[in-house]
């Protein structure tokens, strides 16, 4: 069995580069959302209401269950959390940003 090196955990876990990018973006959004929710210092019931989701759904977010959320759903939650989402796209042939 050969040892493989990966730039990112998602590259190791996912079957395709596209799936790895999707999961990487989802996990980044989730981390920011969890930080925001915890900064509110309010009950989970109130945080869920503020985000427009159920409390069990909030629990999935706080538990880091990335597979429970689509990229689209997380983008919508950033709006509810009053976070600004900025997307940058780089040409991997011309940039060190991958």
N, C-alpha and C. Protein backbone atom coordinates (compact mmCIF):
# COMPACT_ATOMS: atom_id res chain seq x y z
N UNK A 1 0.84 -1.19 0.00
CA UNK A 1 0.00 0.00 0.00
C UNK A 1 0.88 1.24 0.00
N UNK A 2 0.71 2.11 -0.97
CA UNK A 2 1.51 3.32 -1.09
C UNK A 2 0.90 4.43 -0.25
N UNK A 3 1.77 5.25 0.32
CA UNK A 3 1.30 6.42 1.07
C UNK A 3 1.02 7.53 0.08
N UNK A 4 -0.12 8.17 0.25
CA UNK A 4 -0.48 9.29 -0.61
C UNK A 4 -0.48 10.56 0.22
N UNK A 5 -0.08 11.67 -0.38
CA UNK A 5 -0.12 12.98 0.27
C UNK A 5 -1.22 13.81 -0.38
N UNK A 6 -1.96 14.49 0.45
CA UNK A 6 -3.05 15.34 -0.03
C UNK A 6 -2.88 16.74 0.53
N UNK A 7 -3.31 17.73 -0.22
CA UNK A 7 -3.25 19.12 0.23
C UNK A 7 -4.32 19.42 1.29
N UNK A 8 -5.38 18.65 1.28
CA UNK A 8 -6.54 18.95 2.11
C UNK A 8 -7.22 17.63 2.47
N UNK A 9 -7.84 17.58 3.63
CA UNK A 9 -8.54 16.36 4.07
C UNK A 9 -9.64 15.96 3.09
N UNK A 10 -10.31 16.97 2.51
CA UNK A 10 -11.40 16.65 1.59
C UNK A 10 -10.87 16.00 0.33
N UNK A 11 -9.65 16.35 -0.09
CA UNK A 11 -9.06 15.68 -1.25
C UNK A 11 -8.86 14.20 -0.97
N UNK A 12 -8.56 13.87 0.28
CA UNK A 12 -8.34 12.48 0.67
C UNK A 12 -9.66 11.72 0.80
N UNK A 13 -10.70 12.40 1.26
CA UNK A 13 -11.96 11.72 1.57
C UNK A 13 -12.92 11.60 0.39
N UNK A 14 -12.89 12.57 -0.49
CA UNK A 14 -13.87 12.59 -1.58
C UNK A 14 -13.34 11.90 -2.83
N UNK A 15 -14.27 11.42 -3.65
CA UNK A 15 -13.91 10.65 -4.84
C UNK A 15 -13.43 11.51 -6.00
N UNK A 16 -13.93 12.75 -6.08
CA UNK A 16 -13.56 13.61 -7.20
C UNK A 16 -13.10 14.97 -6.69
N UNK A 17 -12.32 15.68 -7.50
CA UNK A 17 -11.91 17.05 -7.11
C UNK A 17 -13.12 17.97 -6.92
N UNK A 18 -14.16 17.77 -7.71
CA UNK A 18 -15.35 18.61 -7.59
C UNK A 18 -16.04 18.41 -6.24
N UNK A 19 -16.15 17.15 -5.83
CA UNK A 19 -16.75 16.86 -4.52
C UNK A 19 -15.90 17.42 -3.39
N UNK A 20 -14.58 17.35 -3.54
CA UNK A 20 -13.68 17.88 -2.52
C UNK A 20 -13.84 19.39 -2.38
N UNK A 21 -13.94 20.10 -3.49
CA UNK A 21 -14.13 21.55 -3.44
C UNK A 21 -15.46 21.89 -2.77
N UNK A 22 -16.51 21.16 -3.13
CA UNK A 22 -17.82 21.41 -2.55
C UNK A 22 -17.79 21.21 -1.03
N UNK A 23 -17.18 20.14 -0.58
CA UNK A 23 -17.11 19.87 0.86
C UNK A 23 -16.22 20.89 1.57
N UNK A 24 -15.14 21.31 0.93
CA UNK A 24 -14.26 22.31 1.52
C UNK A 24 -15.02 23.62 1.74
N UNK A 25 -15.78 24.04 0.74
CA UNK A 25 -16.56 25.27 0.86
C UNK A 25 -17.64 25.14 1.94
N UNK A 26 -18.30 23.99 1.97
CA UNK A 26 -19.34 23.77 2.97
C UNK A 26 -18.76 23.81 4.38
N UNK A 27 -17.61 23.17 4.57
CA UNK A 27 -17.02 23.15 5.92
C UNK A 27 -16.56 24.54 6.33
N UNK A 28 -16.04 25.33 5.39
CA UNK A 28 -15.64 26.70 5.72
C UNK A 28 -16.84 27.55 6.13
N UNK A 29 -17.92 27.44 5.40
CA UNK A 29 -19.13 28.18 5.75
C UNK A 29 -19.68 27.74 7.10
N UNK A 30 -19.66 26.44 7.34
CA UNK A 30 -20.17 25.93 8.62
C UNK A 30 -19.36 26.48 9.79
N UNK A 31 -18.03 26.51 9.65
CA UNK A 31 -17.19 27.03 10.74
C UNK A 31 -17.55 28.48 11.06
N UNK A 32 -17.73 29.29 10.01
CA UNK A 32 -18.08 30.70 10.24
C UNK A 32 -19.47 30.83 10.86
N UNK A 33 -20.41 30.01 10.41
CA UNK A 33 -21.76 30.06 10.98
C UNK A 33 -21.75 29.64 12.45
N UNK A 34 -21.01 28.61 12.78
CA UNK A 34 -20.93 28.17 14.18
C UNK A 34 -20.31 29.27 15.04
N UNK A 35 -19.25 29.89 14.54
CA UNK A 35 -18.63 31.01 15.28
C UNK A 35 -19.66 32.11 15.54
N UNK A 36 -20.44 32.44 14.50
CA UNK A 36 -21.42 33.51 14.64
C UNK A 36 -22.49 33.15 15.66
N UNK A 37 -23.03 31.95 15.55
CA UNK A 37 -24.09 31.51 16.47
C UNK A 37 -23.58 31.54 17.91
N UNK A 38 -22.38 31.03 18.14
CA UNK A 38 -21.83 31.02 19.50
C UNK A 38 -21.56 32.43 20.01
N UNK A 39 -21.25 33.36 19.11
CA UNK A 39 -20.99 34.74 19.53
C UNK A 39 -22.26 35.45 20.01
N UNK A 40 -23.41 34.96 19.57
CA UNK A 40 -24.66 35.58 19.98
C UNK A 40 -24.95 35.37 21.46
N UNK A 41 -24.43 34.31 22.04
CA UNK A 41 -24.65 34.02 23.46
C UNK A 41 -26.14 34.03 23.82
N UNK A 42 -26.90 33.28 23.02
CA UNK A 42 -28.34 33.14 23.24
C UNK A 42 -28.67 31.65 23.24
N UNK A 43 -29.89 31.32 23.60
CA UNK A 43 -30.29 29.91 23.62
C UNK A 43 -30.33 29.34 22.20
N UNK A 44 -30.24 28.02 22.11
CA UNK A 44 -30.33 27.38 20.80
C UNK A 44 -31.69 27.64 20.17
N UNK A 45 -32.71 27.68 20.99
CA UNK A 45 -34.06 27.93 20.47
C UNK A 45 -34.10 29.31 19.79
N UNK A 46 -33.54 30.31 20.45
CA UNK A 46 -33.53 31.67 19.89
C UNK A 46 -32.62 31.75 18.67
N UNK A 47 -31.47 31.08 18.71
CA UNK A 47 -30.54 31.09 17.57
C UNK A 47 -31.19 30.44 16.35
N UNK A 48 -31.89 29.33 16.56
CA UNK A 48 -32.57 28.66 15.46
C UNK A 48 -33.63 29.58 14.86
N UNK A 49 -34.36 30.27 15.71
CA UNK A 49 -35.38 31.21 15.24
C UNK A 49 -34.74 32.32 14.43
N UNK A 50 -33.63 32.84 14.91
CA UNK A 50 -32.93 33.92 14.22
C UNK A 50 -32.46 33.47 12.83
N UNK A 51 -32.05 32.22 12.72
CA UNK A 51 -31.58 31.69 11.44
C UNK A 51 -32.72 31.19 10.55
N UNK A 52 -33.91 31.03 11.13
CA UNK A 52 -35.04 30.54 10.35
C UNK A 52 -35.00 29.05 10.12
N UNK A 53 -34.42 28.31 11.07
CA UNK A 53 -34.33 26.85 10.98
C UNK A 53 -34.85 26.23 12.27
N UNK A 54 -35.05 24.93 12.25
CA UNK A 54 -35.50 24.24 13.45
C UNK A 54 -34.31 24.04 14.40
N UNK A 55 -34.64 23.78 15.66
CA UNK A 55 -33.58 23.54 16.63
C UNK A 55 -32.78 22.27 16.30
N UNK A 56 -33.42 21.17 15.88
CA UNK A 56 -32.62 20.00 15.47
C UNK A 56 -31.66 20.32 14.32
N UNK A 57 -32.12 21.16 13.39
CA UNK A 57 -31.25 21.56 12.27
C UNK A 57 -30.07 22.37 12.79
N UNK A 58 -30.32 23.25 13.75
CA UNK A 58 -29.24 24.02 14.37
C UNK A 58 -28.26 23.08 15.07
N UNK A 59 -28.78 22.07 15.75
CA UNK A 59 -27.90 21.10 16.41
C UNK A 59 -26.98 20.42 15.40
N UNK A 60 -27.50 20.09 14.21
CA UNK A 60 -26.66 19.51 13.16
C UNK A 60 -25.55 20.48 12.74
N UNK A 61 -25.90 21.75 12.65
CA UNK A 61 -24.91 22.76 12.30
C UNK A 61 -23.82 22.85 13.37
N UNK A 62 -24.25 22.97 14.62
CA UNK A 62 -23.30 23.12 15.72
C UNK A 62 -22.44 21.87 15.91
N UNK A 63 -22.96 20.72 15.52
CA UNK A 63 -22.21 19.47 15.63
C UNK A 63 -21.27 19.26 14.44
N UNK A 64 -21.32 20.17 13.47
CA UNK A 64 -20.43 20.07 12.33
C UNK A 64 -20.79 18.99 11.33
N UNK A 65 -22.06 18.67 11.23
CA UNK A 65 -22.51 17.63 10.30
C UNK A 65 -22.60 18.21 8.89
N UNK A 66 -21.45 18.30 8.24
CA UNK A 66 -21.32 18.92 6.93
C UNK A 66 -22.25 18.26 5.91
N UNK A 67 -22.36 16.95 5.98
CA UNK A 67 -23.17 16.24 4.98
C UNK A 67 -24.66 16.53 5.11
N UNK A 68 -25.07 17.14 6.21
CA UNK A 68 -26.49 17.45 6.42
C UNK A 68 -26.92 18.75 5.74
N UNK A 69 -25.94 19.48 5.16
CA UNK A 69 -26.25 20.79 4.57
C UNK A 69 -25.69 20.89 3.16
N UNK A 70 -26.51 21.37 2.26
CA UNK A 70 -26.02 21.65 0.91
C UNK A 70 -25.29 22.99 0.93
N UNK A 71 -24.50 23.23 -0.08
CA UNK A 71 -23.82 24.52 -0.20
C UNK A 71 -24.84 25.64 -0.28
N UNK A 72 -25.90 25.42 -1.03
CA UNK A 72 -26.96 26.41 -1.18
C UNK A 72 -27.60 26.74 0.17
N UNK A 73 -27.89 25.73 0.97
CA UNK A 73 -28.51 25.96 2.29
C UNK A 73 -27.58 26.77 3.19
N UNK A 74 -26.30 26.49 3.14
CA UNK A 74 -25.35 27.22 3.97
C UNK A 74 -25.20 28.67 3.53
N UNK A 75 -25.24 28.90 2.22
CA UNK A 75 -25.19 30.28 1.71
C UNK A 75 -26.40 31.05 2.24
N UNK A 76 -27.56 30.44 2.21
CA UNK A 76 -28.77 31.10 2.72
C UNK A 76 -28.64 31.41 4.21
N UNK A 77 -28.04 30.51 4.97
CA UNK A 77 -27.86 30.73 6.40
C UNK A 77 -26.90 31.87 6.68
N UNK A 78 -25.91 32.09 5.80
CA UNK A 78 -24.99 33.20 6.03
C UNK A 78 -25.73 34.53 5.96
N UNK A 79 -26.72 34.61 5.10
CA UNK A 79 -27.53 35.82 5.01
C UNK A 79 -28.30 36.03 6.31
N UNK A 80 -28.93 34.97 6.80
CA UNK A 80 -29.69 35.06 8.05
C UNK A 80 -28.79 35.40 9.24
N UNK A 81 -27.52 34.98 9.15
CA UNK A 81 -26.58 35.25 10.24
C UNK A 81 -25.88 36.60 10.07
N UNK A 82 -26.28 37.35 9.04
CA UNK A 82 -25.70 38.66 8.74
C UNK A 82 -24.20 38.57 8.50
N UNK A 83 -23.81 37.53 7.77
CA UNK A 83 -22.43 37.38 7.33
C UNK A 83 -22.35 37.77 5.86
N UNK A 84 -21.25 38.35 5.47
CA UNK A 84 -21.03 38.72 4.08
C UNK A 84 -20.19 37.63 3.42
N UNK A 85 -20.69 37.10 2.35
CA UNK A 85 -20.00 36.04 1.63
C UNK A 85 -19.32 36.64 0.41
N UNK A 86 -18.02 36.41 0.31
CA UNK A 86 -17.25 36.91 -0.83
C UNK A 86 -16.63 35.71 -1.53
N UNK A 87 -16.82 35.62 -2.83
CA UNK A 87 -16.30 34.51 -3.60
C UNK A 87 -15.15 35.02 -4.47
N UNK A 88 -14.04 34.30 -4.42
CA UNK A 88 -12.91 34.61 -5.29
C UNK A 88 -12.61 33.37 -6.12
N UNK A 89 -12.39 33.56 -7.39
CA UNK A 89 -12.09 32.45 -8.28
C UNK A 89 -10.74 32.75 -8.93
N UNK A 90 -9.85 31.76 -8.88
CA UNK A 90 -8.52 31.92 -9.42
C UNK A 90 -8.28 30.88 -10.51
N UNK A 91 -7.51 31.25 -11.49
CA UNK A 91 -7.06 30.30 -12.51
C UNK A 91 -5.90 29.53 -11.92
N UNK A 92 -6.08 28.23 -11.69
CA UNK A 92 -5.05 27.45 -11.00
C UNK A 92 -3.76 27.37 -11.80
N UNK A 93 -3.83 27.61 -13.10
CA UNK A 93 -2.62 27.59 -13.92
C UNK A 93 -1.80 28.87 -13.73
N UNK A 94 -2.42 29.94 -13.27
CA UNK A 94 -1.74 31.22 -13.14
C UNK A 94 -1.51 31.64 -11.70
N UNK A 95 -2.02 30.86 -10.75
CA UNK A 95 -2.01 31.31 -9.36
C UNK A 95 -1.60 30.18 -8.42
N UNK A 96 -1.08 30.58 -7.28
CA UNK A 96 -0.79 29.61 -6.22
C UNK A 96 -2.03 29.32 -5.39
N UNK A 97 -3.14 30.04 -5.63
CA UNK A 97 -4.40 29.82 -4.91
C UNK A 97 -5.13 28.67 -5.58
N UNK A 98 -5.34 27.60 -4.82
CA UNK A 98 -6.08 26.46 -5.40
C UNK A 98 -7.29 26.15 -4.59
